[in-house]
Amino acid sequence: MLKLDHLRLPVTDLARSRDWYVGTLGLTIEFEVPERRTVALQDGEGFAVFLQQAPTPVTPAGCA
């Protein structure tokens, strides 16, 4: 069975998004790469969410 282990999400406000995923979903910060404006967050099962600051506003692609 296929198992996803990570997901990359572009965000418009990295600090606010990081705080939301940590405070609301309980994810933990795995590591941060300030020069790439990226934060890796992890749940308790080994799934990682990579948040990356987008250079321009994020436009939904019709999928949520």
Protein backbone atom coordinates (compact mmCIF):
# COMPACT_ATOMS: atom_id res chain seq x y z
CA MET A 1 0.00 0.00 0.00
CA LEU A 2 1.26 3.47 -0.88
CA LYS A 3 2.07 5.66 2.11
CA LEU A 4 2.69 9.38 1.86
CA ASP A 5 5.41 10.68 4.15
CA HIS A 6 5.51 14.39 3.39
CA LEU A 7 3.65 17.29 1.81
CA ARG A 8 4.90 20.71 0.68
CA LEU A 9 2.57 23.68 1.10
CA PRO A 10 3.27 27.21 -0.15
CA VAL A 11 2.16 29.84 2.37
CA THR A 12 1.95 33.62 2.34
CA ASP A 13 2.95 34.13 6.01
CA LEU A 14 5.44 31.51 7.20
CA ALA A 15 5.50 32.48 10.89
CA ARG A 16 1.71 32.66 11.18
CA SER A 17 1.27 29.35 9.32
CA ARG A 18 3.92 27.61 11.44
CA ASP A 19 2.25 28.82 14.63
CA TRP A 20 -1.17 27.62 13.40
CA TYR A 21 0.03 24.10 12.51
CA VAL A 22 1.87 23.80 15.84
CA GLY A 23 -0.84 25.36 18.04
CA THR A 24 -3.95 23.98 16.32
CA LEU A 25 -2.86 20.61 14.92
CA GLY A 26 -0.16 19.85 17.48
CA LEU A 27 2.61 19.29 14.94
CA THR A 28 6.19 19.70 16.14
CA ILE A 29 8.96 21.63 14.42
CA GLU A 30 11.43 19.17 12.94
CA PHE A 31 13.77 21.80 11.45
CA GLU A 32 13.81 25.26 9.87
CA VAL A 33 15.83 26.56 6.90
CA PRO A 34 15.66 30.37 7.20
CA GLU A 35 17.55 31.09 3.96
CA ARG A 36 14.96 29.04 2.05
CA ARG A 37 12.05 30.33 4.14
CA THR A 38 11.04 26.76 4.92
CA VAL A 39 9.83 24.96 8.05
CA ALA A 40 9.42 21.20 8.39
CA LEU A 41 6.71 20.09 10.80
CA GLN A 42 6.00 16.53 11.87
CA ASP A 43 3.10 14.65 13.41
CA GLY A 44 3.45 11.70 15.79
CA GLU A 45 3.31 9.11 12.99
CA GLY A 46 6.26 10.28 10.85
CA PHE A 47 4.29 12.44 8.39
CA ALA A 48 6.00 15.76 7.59
CA VAL A 49 4.51 19.00 6.32
CA PHE A 50 6.96 21.40 4.68
CA LEU A 51 5.77 25.01 4.76
CA GLN A 52 7.53 27.31 2.31
CA GLN A 53 7.07 31.06 2.06
CA ALA A 54 5.76 31.83 -1.43
CA PRO A 55 7.32 34.83 -3.22
CA THR A 56 3.86 35.92 -4.44
CA PRO A 57 0.34 35.46 -3.07
CA VAL A 58 -0.85 31.86 -3.23
CA THR A 59 -3.69 31.26 -5.70
CA PRO A 60 -5.80 28.15 -5.08
CA ALA A 61 -5.60 25.59 -7.88
CA GLY A 62 -9.18 24.43 -7.47
CA CYS A 63 -8.34 21.72 -4.98
CA ALA A 64 -8.75 21.83 -1.22
